[in-house]
PDB file of N, CA and C in Angstrom:
ATOM      1  N   MET A   1      -9.293   7.058 -11.357  1.00  0.00           N
ATOM      2  CA  MET A   1      -8.640   7.900 -10.556  1.00  0.00           C
ATOM      3  C   MET A   1      -9.588   8.734  -9.637  1.00  0.00           C
ATOM      4  N   LYS A   2     -10.451  10.298 -10.271  1.00  0.00           N
ATOM      5  CA  LYS A   2     -11.214  11.389  -9.819  1.00  0.00           C
ATOM      6  C   LYS A   2     -12.110  10.841  -8.716  1.00  0.00           C
ATOM      7  N   SER A   3     -12.741   9.446  -9.222  1.00  0.00           N
ATOM      8  CA  SER A   3     -14.367   8.358  -8.438  1.00  0.00           C
ATOM      9  C   SER A   3     -13.235   7.677  -7.595  1.00  0.00           C
ATOM     10  N   PHE A   4     -11.810   7.321  -7.209  1.00  0.00           N
ATOM     11  CA  PHE A   4     -11.216   6.573  -6.031  1.00  0.00           C
ATOM     12  C   PHE A   4     -10.612   7.760  -5.298  1.00  0.00           C
ATOM     13  N   SER A   5     -10.526   9.620  -5.412  1.00  0.00           N
ATOM     14  CA  SER A   5     -10.346  10.412  -4.383  1.00  0.00           C
ATOM     15  C   SER A   5     -11.727  10.733  -3.906  1.00  0.00           C
ATOM     16  N   ILE A   6     -13.060  10.630  -4.702  1.00  0.00           N
ATOM     17  CA  ILE A   6     -14.178  10.804  -4.168  1.00  0.00           C
ATOM     18  C   ILE A   6     -14.547   9.872  -3.299  1.00  0.00           C
ATOM     19  N   PHE A   7     -14.606   8.488  -3.685  1.00  0.00           N
ATOM     20  CA  PHE A   7     -14.877   7.568  -2.290  1.00  0.00           C
ATOM     21  C   PHE A   7     -14.019   7.094  -1.141  1.00  0.00           C
ATOM     22  N   LEU A   8     -12.479   7.732  -1.282  1.00  0.00           N
ATOM     23  CA  LEU A   8     -11.404   7.974   0.092  1.00  0.00           C
ATOM     24  C   LEU A   8     -12.419   9.167   0.284  1.00  0.00           C
ATOM     25  N   THR A   9     -12.762   9.992   0.088  1.00  0.00           N
ATOM     26  CA  THR A   9     -13.029  11.408   1.270  1.00  0.00           C
ATOM     27  C   THR A   9     -14.540  10.708   1.878  1.00  0.00           C
ATOM     28  N   ALA A  10     -14.915   9.871   0.942  1.00  0.00           N
ATOM     29  CA  ALA A  10     -16.289   9.586   1.524  1.00  0.00           C
ATOM     30  C   ALA A  10     -15.730   8.922   2.220  1.00  0.00           C
ATOM     31  N   VAL A  11     -14.565   7.986   2.702  1.00  0.00           N
ATOM     32  CA  VAL A  11     -14.934   6.803   3.472  1.00  0.00           C
ATOM     33  C   VAL A  11     -13.745   7.987   4.626  1.00  0.00           C
ATOM     34  N   VAL A  12     -13.306   8.550   5.079  1.00  0.00           N
ATOM     35  CA  VAL A  12     -12.629   9.543   5.268  1.00  0.00           C
ATOM     36  C   VAL A  12     -14.237  10.572   6.478  1.00  0.00           C
ATOM     37  N   VAL A  13     -15.134  10.640   6.088  1.00  0.00           N
ATOM     38  CA  VAL A  13     -16.185  11.464   6.459  1.00  0.00           C
ATOM     39  C   VAL A  13     -17.014  10.732   6.723  1.00  0.00           C
ATOM     40  N   VAL A  14     -17.111   9.816   6.449  1.00  0.00           N
ATOM     41  CA  VAL A  14     -18.441   8.747   7.390  1.00  0.00           C
ATOM     42  C   VAL A  14     -17.145   8.328   8.544  1.00  0.00           C
ATOM     43  N   VAL A  15     -15.529   7.787   8.919  1.00  0.00           N
ATOM     44  CA  VAL A  15     -15.303   7.188  10.038  1.00  0.00           C
ATOM     45  C   VAL A  15     -15.869   8.310  10.741  1.00  0.00           C
ATOM     46  N   VAL A  16     -15.176   9.641  10.643  1.00  0.00           N
ATOM     47  CA  VAL A  16     -14.913  10.977  11.292  1.00  0.00           C
ATOM     48  C   VAL A  16     -16.021  10.797  12.232  1.00  0.00           C
ATOM     49  N   VAL A  17     -17.509  11.187  11.309  1.00  0.00           N
ATOM     50  CA  VAL A  17     -18.427  11.091  11.715  1.00  0.00           C
ATOM     51  C   VAL A  17     -19.112   9.990  12.639  1.00  0.00           C
ATOM     52  N   ALA A  18     -19.156   8.643  12.205  1.00  0.00           N
ATOM     53  CA  ALA A  18     -18.655   7.564  13.235  1.00  0.00           C
ATOM     54  C   ALA A  18     -18.094   7.740  14.588  1.00  0.00           C
ATOM     55  N   VAL A  19     -17.206   8.452  14.885  1.00  0.00           N
ATOM     56  CA  VAL A  19     -15.911   8.382  15.812  1.00  0.00           C
ATOM     57  C   VAL A  19     -16.651   9.575  16.755  1.00  0.00           C
ATOM     58  N   ALA A  20     -17.100  10.798  15.852  1.00  0.00           N
ATOM     59  CA  ALA A  20     -17.950  11.461  16.816  1.00  0.00           C
ATOM     60  C   ALA A  20     -19.245  11.319  17.458  1.00  0.00           C
ATOM     61  N   LEU A  21     -19.983  10.470  17.009  1.00  0.00           N
ATOM     62  CA  LEU A  21     -21.357  10.459  17.408  1.00  0.00           C
ATOM     63  C   LEU A  21     -20.737   9.403  18.411  1.00  0.00           C
ATOM     64  N   ALA A  22     -20.326   8.230  18.399  1.00  0.00           N
ATOM     65  CA  ALA A  22     -19.010   7.095  19.174  1.00  0.00           C
ATOM     66  C   ALA A  22     -18.782   8.087  20.589  1.00  0.00           C
ATOM     67  N   GLY A  23     -18.377   9.416  20.097  1.00  0.00           N
ATOM     68  CA  GLY A  23     -17.899  10.315  21.405  1.00  0.00           C
ATOM     69  C   GLY A  23     -19.322  11.123  22.322  1.00  0.00           C
ATOM     70  N   GLU A  24     -20.155  11.264  21.460  1.00  0.00           N
ATOM     71  CA  GLU A  24     -21.136  11.424  21.923  1.00  0.00           C
ATOM     72  C   GLU A  24     -22.333  10.582  23.341  1.00  0.00           C
ATOM     73  N   VAL A  25     -22.072   9.647  22.078  1.00  0.00           N
ATOM     74  CA  VAL A  25     -22.848   8.047  22.829  1.00  0.00           C
ATOM     75  C   VAL A  25     -22.421   7.950  24.452  1.00  0.00           C
ATOM     76  N   ALA A  26     -20.842   8.331  24.508  1.00  0.00           N
ATOM     77  CA  ALA A  26     -19.533   7.571  25.312  1.00  0.00           C
ATOM     78  C   ALA A  26     -20.296   8.591  26.616  1.00  0.00           C
ATOM     79  N   GLU A  27     -20.438  10.116  26.045  1.00  0.00           N
ATOM     80  CA  GLU A  27     -19.941  11.056  27.208  1.00  0.00           C
ATOM     81  C   GLU A  27     -21.748  10.713  27.515  1.00  0.00           C
ATOM     82  N   ALA A  28     -22.969  10.309  27.511  1.00  0.00           N
ATOM     83  CA  ALA A  28     -24.329  10.412  27.051  1.00  0.00           C
ATOM     84  C   ALA A  28     -24.703   9.196  28.517  1.00  0.00           C
ATOM     85  N   ASN A  29     -23.567   8.496  28.360  1.00  0.00           N
ATOM     86  CA  ASN A  29     -24.114   6.901  29.272  1.00  0.00           C
ATOM     87  C   ASN A  29     -23.492   7.496  30.521  1.00  0.00           C
ATOM     88  N   VAL A  30     -22.136   8.418  30.656  1.00  0.00           N
ATOM     89  CA  VAL A  30     -22.282   9.158  31.988  1.00  0.00           C
ATOM     90  C   VAL A  30     -22.834   9.771  32.819  1.00  0.00           C
ATOM     91  N   THR A  31     -23.320   8.902  34.350  1.00  0.00           N
ATOM     92  CA  THR A  31     -24.616   9.678  34.892  1.00  0.00           C
ATOM     93  C   THR A  31     -24.017  10.481  36.137  1.00  0.00           C
ATOM     94  N   CYS A  32     -23.830  11.877  35.634  1.00  0.00           N
ATOM     95  CA  CYS A  32     -23.836  12.667  37.253  1.00  0.00           C
ATOM     96  C   CYS A  32     -23.012  12.045  37.833  1.00  0.00           C
ATOM     97  N   ASN A  33     -22.525  11.917  39.029  1.00  0.00           N
ATOM     98  CA  ASN A  33     -22.956  11.447  40.828  1.00  0.00           C
ATOM     99  C   ASN A  33     -22.205  11.330  41.604  1.00  0.00           C
ATOM    100  N   LEU A  34     -22.410  11.878  42.442  1.00  0.00           N
ATOM    101  CA  LEU A  34     -20.714  12.283  42.814  1.00  0.00           C
ATOM    102  C   LEU A  34     -20.716  11.056  43.885  1.00  0.00           C
ATOM    103  N   LEU A  35     -21.267  10.276  43.713  1.00  0.00           N
ATOM    104  CA  LEU A  35     -21.140   8.990  45.040  1.00  0.00           C
ATOM    105  C   LEU A  35     -20.690   7.956  44.531  1.00  0.00           C
ATOM    106  N   GLU A  36     -20.472   8.330  42.721  1.00  0.00           N
ATOM    107  CA  GLU A  36     -19.596   7.176  42.301  1.00  0.00           C
ATOM    108  C   GLU A  36     -18.300   7.854  42.630  1.00  0.00           C
ATOM    109  N   LEU A  37     -17.985   8.885  43.154  1.00  0.00           N
ATOM    110  CA  LEU A  37     -16.210   9.242  43.657  1.00  0.00           C
ATOM    111  C   LEU A  37     -15.883   8.271  44.552  1.00  0.00           C
ATOM    112  N   SER A  38     -16.675   7.619  45.543  1.00  0.00           N
ATOM    113  CA  SER A  38     -16.538   7.162  47.296  1.00  0.00           C
ATOM    114  C   SER A  38     -15.580   6.403  47.110  1.00  0.00           C
ATOM    115  N   PRO A  39     -15.262   5.997  45.952  1.00  0.00           N
ATOM    116  CA  PRO A  39     -13.924   5.477  46.439  1.00  0.00           C
ATOM    117  C   PRO A  39     -12.398   6.508  46.897  1.00  0.00           C
ATOM    118  N   CYS A  40     -12.391   7.737  46.042  1.00  0.00           N
ATOM    119  CA  CYS A  40     -12.393   8.839  47.275  1.00  0.00           C
ATOM    120  C   CYS A  40     -11.686   9.187  48.328  1.00  0.00           C
ATOM    121  N   LEU A  41     -13.153   8.827  48.912  1.00  0.00           N
ATOM    122  CA  LEU A  41     -13.407   9.359  49.963  1.00  0.00           C
ATOM    123  C   LEU A  41     -12.490   8.930  50.853  1.00  0.00           C
ATOM    124  N   GLY A  42     -11.392   7.642  50.843  1.00  0.00           N
ATOM    125  CA  GLY A  42     -10.335   7.382  52.060  1.00  0.00           C
ATOM    126  C   GLY A  42      -9.438   8.448  51.954  1.00  0.00           C
ATOM    127  N   ALA A  43      -8.655   9.054  50.259  1.00  0.00           N
ATOM    128  CA  ALA A  43      -7.682   9.684  50.178  1.00  0.00           C
ATOM    129  C   ALA A  43      -7.570  11.736  50.329  1.00  0.00           C
ATOM    130  N   ILE A  44      -9.470  12.007  50.010  1.00  0.00           N
ATOM    131  CA  ILE A  44     -10.040  12.697  50.765  1.00  0.00           C
ATOM    132  C   ILE A  44     -10.035  13.557  51.536  1.00  0.00           C
ATOM    133  N   ASN A  45     -10.291  12.751  53.275  1.00  0.00           N
ATOM    134  CA  ASN A  45     -10.100  12.575  54.832  1.00  0.00           C
ATOM    135  C   ASN A  45      -8.773  12.631  54.699  1.00  0.00           C
ATOM    136  N   SER A  46      -7.607  12.178  54.081  1.00  0.00           N
ATOM    137  CA  SER A  46      -5.979  11.812  54.409  1.00  0.00           C
ATOM    138  C   SER A  46      -5.425  12.118  53.802  1.00  0.00           C
ATOM    139  N   PRO A  47      -4.847  13.098  53.719  1.00  0.00           N
ATOM    140  CA  PRO A  47      -3.205  12.920  53.784  1.00  0.00           C
ATOM    141  C   PRO A  47      -2.056  12.133  53.379  1.00  0.00           C
ATOM    142  N   LYS A  48      -2.389  11.676  54.832  1.00  0.00           N
ATOM    143  CA  LYS A  48      -1.516  10.310  54.621  1.00  0.00           C
ATOM    144  C   LYS A  48      -2.237   9.090  53.229  1.00  0.00           C
ATOM    145  N   VAL A  49      -3.312   9.059  53.157  1.00  0.00           N
ATOM    146  CA  VAL A  49      -3.882   7.628  51.930  1.00  0.00           C
ATOM    147  C   VAL A  49      -3.485   8.141  50.473  1.00  0.00           C
ATOM    148  N   ASN A  50      -3.826   7.450  49.649  1.00  0.00           N
ATOM    149  CA  ASN A  50      -3.278   6.902  48.642  1.00  0.00           C
ATOM    150  C   ASN A  50      -4.420   7.433  47.441  1.00  0.00           C
ATOM    151  N   PRO A  51      -5.027   8.642  46.416  1.00  0.00           N
ATOM    152  CA  PRO A  51      -6.080   7.073  45.946  1.00  0.00           C
ATOM    153  C   PRO A  51      -5.838   6.034  46.069  1.00  0.00           C
ATOM    154  N   THR A  52      -6.732   5.188  45.462  1.00  0.00           N
ATOM    155  CA  THR A  52      -6.926   4.127  45.034  1.00  0.00           C
ATOM    156  C   THR A  52      -6.985   3.700  43.323  1.00  0.00           C
ATOM    157  N   LYS A  53      -7.099   2.695  42.620  1.00  0.00           N
ATOM    158  CA  LYS A  53      -7.027   2.320  41.560  1.00  0.00           C
ATOM    159  C   LYS A  53      -7.653   2.702  41.001  1.00  0.00           C
ATOM    160  N   GLU A  54      -8.866   2.195  42.057  1.00  0.00           N
ATOM    161  CA  GLU A  54     -10.304   2.613  42.025  1.00  0.00           C
ATOM    162  C   GLU A  54     -11.068   4.282  41.139  1.00  0.00           C
ATOM    163  N   CYS A  55     -10.699   4.681  41.896  1.00  0.00           N
ATOM    164  CA  CYS A  55     -11.105   6.213  42.738  1.00  0.00           C
ATOM    165  C   CYS A  55     -10.577   7.052  40.777  1.00  0.00           C
ATOM    166  N   CYS A  56      -9.209   6.484  41.026  1.00  0.00           N
ATOM    167  CA  CYS A  56      -8.525   7.338  40.141  1.00  0.00           C
ATOM    168  C   CYS A  56      -9.636   6.629  38.902  1.00  0.00           C
ATOM    169  N   ALA A  57      -9.629   5.976  38.598  1.00  0.00           N
ATOM    170  CA  ALA A  57     -10.727   5.805  37.301  1.00  0.00           C
ATOM    171  C   ALA A  57     -12.277   6.014  37.305  1.00  0.00           C
ATOM    172  N   LYS A  58     -13.020   5.835  38.048  1.00  0.00           N
ATOM    173  CA  LYS A  58     -13.930   6.772  39.025  1.00  0.00           C
ATOM    174  C   LYS A  58     -13.788   8.416  38.317  1.00  0.00           C
ATOM    175  N   LEU A  59     -12.991   9.264  38.664  1.00  0.00           N
ATOM    176  CA  LEU A  59     -12.379  10.314  38.472  1.00  0.00           C
ATOM    177  C   LEU A  59     -12.134  10.379  36.987  1.00  0.00           C
ATOM    178  N   ILE A  60     -11.748   9.225  36.060  1.00  0.00           N
ATOM    179  CA  ILE A  60     -11.707   9.930  34.968  1.00  0.00           C
ATOM    180  C   ILE A  60     -13.075   9.728  34.369  1.00  0.00           C
ATOM    181  N   GLU A  61     -13.827   8.253  34.363  1.00  0.00           N
ATOM    182  CA  GLU A  61     -15.150   8.115  34.159  1.00  0.00           C
ATOM    183  C   GLU A  61     -16.182   9.907  34.706  1.00  0.00           C
ATOM    184  N   GLN A  62     -16.007  10.197  35.875  1.00  0.00           N
ATOM    185  CA  GLN A  62     -16.942  11.386  35.828  1.00  0.00           C
ATOM    186  C   GLN A  62     -16.226  12.186  35.265  1.00  0.00           C
ATOM    187  N   GLN A  63     -15.012  12.861  34.644  1.00  0.00           N
ATOM    188  CA  GLN A  63     -13.982  13.978  34.332  1.00  0.00           C
ATOM    189  C   GLN A  63     -15.090  15.090  33.336  1.00  0.00           C
ATOM    190  N   LEU A  64     -16.197  13.998  32.766  1.00  0.00           N
ATOM    191  CA  LEU A  64     -17.607  15.572  31.893  1.00  0.00           C
ATOM    192  C   LEU A  64     -18.394  16.322  33.152  1.00  0.00           C
ATOM    193  N   CYS A  65     -18.421  15.339  34.100  1.00  0.00           N
ATOM    194  CA  CYS A  65     -19.361  15.846  35.588  1.00  0.00           C
ATOM    195  C   CYS A  65     -18.056  16.886  36.335  1.00  0.00           C
ATOM    196  N   LEU A  66     -17.754  16.595  36.071  1.00  0.00           N
ATOM    197  CA  LEU A  66     -16.827  17.475  37.410  1.00  0.00           C
ATOM    198  C   LEU A  66     -17.025  18.756  37.764  1.00  0.00           C
ATOM    199  N   CYS A  67     -17.236  20.144  36.819  1.00  0.00           N
ATOM    200  CA  CYS A  67     -17.681  20.741  36.793  1.00  0.00           C
ATOM    201  C   CYS A  67     -18.732  21.474  36.888  1.00  0.00           C
ATOM    202  N   ARG A  68     -19.841  19.717  37.195  1.00  0.00           N
ATOM    203  CA  ARG A  68     -21.103  20.410  37.825  1.00  0.00           C
ATOM    204  C   ARG A  68     -21.087  20.131  39.319  1.00  0.00           C
ATOM    205  N   PHE A  69     -20.224  19.488  39.711  1.00  0.00           N
ATOM    206  CA  PHE A  69     -20.114  18.951  40.754  1.00  0.00           C
ATOM    207  C   PHE A  69     -20.555  20.615  42.174  1.00  0.00           C
ATOM    208  N   PRO A  70     -19.139  21.605  41.657  1.00  0.00           N
ATOM    209  CA  PRO A  70     -19.554  22.976  42.530  1.00  0.00           C
ATOM    210  C   PRO A  70     -20.134  23.496  42.658  1.00  0.00           C
ATOM    211  N   LEU A  71     -21.480  23.190  41.877  1.00  0.00           N
ATOM    212  CA  LEU A  71     -22.720  23.833  41.299  1.00  0.00           C
ATOM    213  C   LEU A  71     -23.718  23.884  42.799  1.00  0.00           C
ATOM    214  N   ASN A  72     -23.215  22.423  43.621  1.00  0.00           N
ATOM    215  CA  ASN A  72     -23.964  22.129  44.826  1.00  0.00           C
ATOM    216  C   ASN A  72     -23.159  22.462  45.721  1.00  0.00           C
ATOM    217  N   PRO A  73     -23.929  23.513  47.057  1.00  0.00           N
ATOM    218  CA  PRO A  73     -23.050  23.387  47.963  1.00  0.00           C
ATOM    219  C   PRO A  73     -22.894  22.298  49.263  1.00  0.00           C
ATOM    220  N   ALA A  74     -23.522  21.119  48.448  1.00  0.00           N
ATOM    221  CA  ALA A  74     -23.050  20.145  49.888  1.00  0.00           C
ATOM    222  C   ALA A  74     -22.532  19.086  49.154  1.00  0.00           C
ATOM    223  N   TYR A  75     -21.489  19.541  48.189  1.00  0.00           N
ATOM    224  CA  TYR A  75     -20.312  19.157  47.502  1.00  0.00           C
ATOM    225  C   TYR A  75     -18.485  20.125  48.170  1.00  0.00           C
ATOM    226  N   LYS A  76     -19.540  20.957  48.463  1.00  0.00           N
ATOM    227  CA  LYS A  76     -18.024  22.086  48.197  1.00  0.00           C
ATOM    228  C   LYS A  76     -17.158  21.435  49.943  1.00  0.00           C
ATOM    229  N   PRO A  77     -16.915  20.612  50.283  1.00  0.00           N
ATOM    230  CA  PRO A  77     -16.188  20.701  51.556  1.00  0.00           C
ATOM    231  C   PRO A  77     -15.394  19.579  50.819  1.00  0.00           C
ATOM    232  N   TYR A  78     -15.960  18.604  50.165  1.00  0.00           N
ATOM    233  CA  TYR A  78     -14.705  17.918  49.207  1.00  0.00           C
ATOM    234  C   TYR A  78     -14.372  18.715  48.426  1.00  0.00           C
ATOM    235  N   ILE A  79     -14.711  19.325  47.450  1.00  0.00           N
ATOM    236  CA  ILE A  79     -14.188  20.155  46.349  1.00  0.00           C
ATOM    237  C   ILE A  79     -13.031  21.161  47.093  1.00  0.00           C
ATOM    238  N   ASP A  80     -13.321  22.006  48.094  1.00  0.00           N
ATOM    239  CA  ASP A  80     -12.349  23.313  48.160  1.00  0.00           C
ATOM    240  C   ASP A  80     -11.585  22.187  49.820  1.00  0.00           C
ATOM    241  N   SER A  81     -11.147  20.577  49.882  1.00  0.00           N
ATOM    242  CA  SER A  81     -10.849  20.028  50.175  1.00  0.00           C
ATOM    243  C   SER A  81      -9.030  20.332  49.876  1.00  0.00           C
ATOM    244  N   PRO A  82      -8.411  20.530  50.897  1.00  0.00           N
ATOM    245  CA  PRO A  82      -7.317  20.750  50.781  1.00  0.00           C
ATOM    246  C   PRO A  82      -6.612  18.870  49.663  1.00  0.00           C
ATOM    247  N   ASN A  83      -7.173  18.428  49.708  1.00  0.00           N
ATOM    248  CA  ASN A  83      -6.502  16.837  49.521  1.00  0.00           C
ATOM    249  C   ASN A  83      -6.715  16.645  47.991  1.00  0.00           C
ATOM    250  N   ALA A  84      -7.766  18.013  47.702  1.00  0.00           N
ATOM    251  CA  ALA A  84      -8.404  17.504  46.256  1.00  0.00           C
ATOM    252  C   ALA A  84      -7.531  17.814  45.478  1.00  0.00           C
ATOM    253  N   ARG A  85      -6.548  18.637  45.190  1.00  0.00           N
ATOM    254  CA  ARG A  85      -5.484  18.602  44.068  1.00  0.00           C
ATOM    255  C   ARG A  85      -4.431  17.451  44.279  1.00  0.00           C
ATOM    256  N   PRO A  86      -3.854  17.208  45.533  1.00  0.00           N
ATOM    257  CA  PRO A  86      -3.170  16.036  45.163  1.00  0.00           C
ATOM    258  C   PRO A  86      -3.675  14.813  44.387  1.00  0.00           C
ATOM    259  N   ILE A  87      -4.718  14.646  45.731  1.00  0.00           N
ATOM    260  CA  ILE A  87      -5.598  13.701  44.317  1.00  0.00           C
ATOM    261  C   ILE A  87      -5.264  13.120  42.271  1.00  0.00           C
ATOM    262  N   PHE A  88      -5.672  14.477  42.142  1.00  0.00           N
ATOM    263  CA  PHE A  88      -5.884  14.573  40.764  1.00  0.00           C
ATOM    264  C   PHE A  88      -4.546  14.222  40.409  1.00  0.00           C
ATOM    265  N   ALA A  89      -3.691  14.880  41.168  1.00  0.00           N
ATOM    266  CA  ALA A  89      -1.868  15.034  40.406  1.00  0.00           C
ATOM    267  C   ALA A  89      -1.632  13.374  40.443  1.00  0.00           C
ATOM    268  N   ALA A  90      -2.331  12.198  41.835  1.00  0.00           N
ATOM    269  CA  ALA A  90      -1.611  10.451  42.113  1.00  0.00           C
ATOM    270  C   ALA A  90      -1.775  10.594  40.912  1.00  0.00           C
ATOM    271  N   CYS A  91      -3.438  10.571  40.380  1.00  0.00           N
ATOM    272  CA  CYS A  91      -4.620  10.098  39.332  1.00  0.00           C
ATOM    273  C   CYS A  91      -3.701  10.276  37.267  1.00  0.00           C
ATOM    274  N   ARG A  92      -3.281  11.292  37.464  1.00  0.00           N
ATOM    275  CA  ARG A  92      -2.620  11.557  36.591  1.00  0.00           C
ATOM    276  C   ARG A  92      -3.568  12.415  36.582  1.00  0.00           C
ATOM    277  N   ILE A  93      -4.770  13.187  36.139  1.00  0.00           N
ATOM    278  CA  ILE A  93      -5.437  13.944  35.735  1.00  0.00           C
ATOM    279  C   ILE A  93      -5.108  15.231  35.878  1.00  0.00           C
ATOM    280  N   PRO A  94      -5.693  15.989  34.761  1.00  0.00           N
ATOM    281  CA  PRO A  94      -5.416  17.681  35.494  1.00  0.00           C
ATOM    282  C   PRO A  94      -6.514  17.886  35.809  1.00  0.00           C
ATOM    283  N   PHE A  95      -6.090  19.114  37.465  1.00  0.00           N
ATOM    284  CA  PHE A  95      -7.084  19.734  38.261  1.00  0.00           C
ATOM    285  C   PHE A  95      -7.952  20.255  37.039  1.00  0.00           C
ATOM    286  N   PRO A  96      -8.914  20.775  36.922  1.00  0.00           N
ATOM    287  CA  PRO A  96     -10.148  21.219  36.576  1.00  0.00           C
ATOM    288  C   PRO A  96     -10.526  22.752  37.191  1.00  0.00           C
ATOM    289  N   LYS A  97      -9.753  23.448  36.380  1.00  0.00           N
ATOM    290  CA  LYS A  97     -10.021  24.972  36.518  1.00  0.00           C
ATOM    291  C   LYS A  97     -11.083  25.262  37.087  1.00  0.00           C
ATOM    292  N   CYS A  98     -12.035  24.422  36.665  1.00  0.00           N
ATOM    293  CA  CYS A  98     -13.991  25.152  37.209  1.00  0.00           C
ATOM    294  C   CYS A  98     -13.686  24.731  38.603  1.00  0.00           C
ATOM    295  N   PHE A  99     -12.929  23.974  39.655  1.00  0.00           N
ATOM    296  CA  PHE A  99     -12.603  24.053  40.833  1.00  0.00           C
ATOM    297  C   PHE A  99     -11.809  25.325  41.460  1.00  0.00           C
ATOM    298  N   ILE A 100     -11.417  25.781  40.213  1.00  0.00           N
ATOM    299  CA  ILE A 100      -9.813  27.085  40.975  1.00  0.00           C
ATOM    300  C   ILE A 100     -11.521  28.280  41.418  1.00  0.00           C
ATOM    301  N   PRO A 101     -11.003  28.848  42.652  1.00  0.00           N
ATOM    302  CA  PRO A 101     -11.535  30.215  43.097  1.00  0.00           C
ATOM    303  C   PRO A 101     -11.514  31.346  41.230  1.00  0.00           C
ATOM    304  N   LYS A 102     -12.627  32.051  40.686  1.00  0.00           N
ATOM    305  CA  LYS A 102     -12.422  32.766  40.130  1.00  0.00           C
ATOM    306  C   LYS A 102     -11.518  33.858  40.005  1.00  0.00           C
ATOM    307  N   SER A 103     -10.761  34.264  40.981  1.00  0.00           N
ATOM    308  CA  SER A 103      -9.783  35.550  41.221  1.00  0.00           C
ATOM    309  C   SER A 103      -8.517  34.441  41.185  1.00  0.00           C
ATOM    310  N   ILE A 104      -8.226  33.414  41.595  1.00  0.00           N
ATOM    311  CA  ILE A 104      -6.974  32.588  41.216  1.00  0.00           C
ATOM    312  C   ILE A 104      -6.809  32.330  39.667  1.00  0.00           C
ATOM    313  N   ASN A 105      -8.070  32.256  39.005  1.00  0.00           N
ATOM    314  CA  ASN A 105      -8.112  32.084  37.598  1.00  0.00           C
ATOM    315  C   ASN A 105      -7.772  32.860  37.136  1.00  0.00           C
TER     316      ASN A 105
END
């Protein structure tokens, strides 16, 4: 019985490590590129345009990168757009805290 519990513990450890490594590999495969979010341009430029499914998918794909984009001043108009928050809401993605000015945070 003791050897079975040791075996079971070893299996659980292997599975946890494998899942953790798979997550790291998935993160490593994401290229942080604002151009990947080009399907969202219609919605960012007009409050009357809803984000497309492709836009939402790209936002999810780029989620790990979103807080890097505000570091580039060229991207500031898109991030500060009044339409940014509604796009995240429509896509059911939490609005990144890094997009909120520190004084409001």
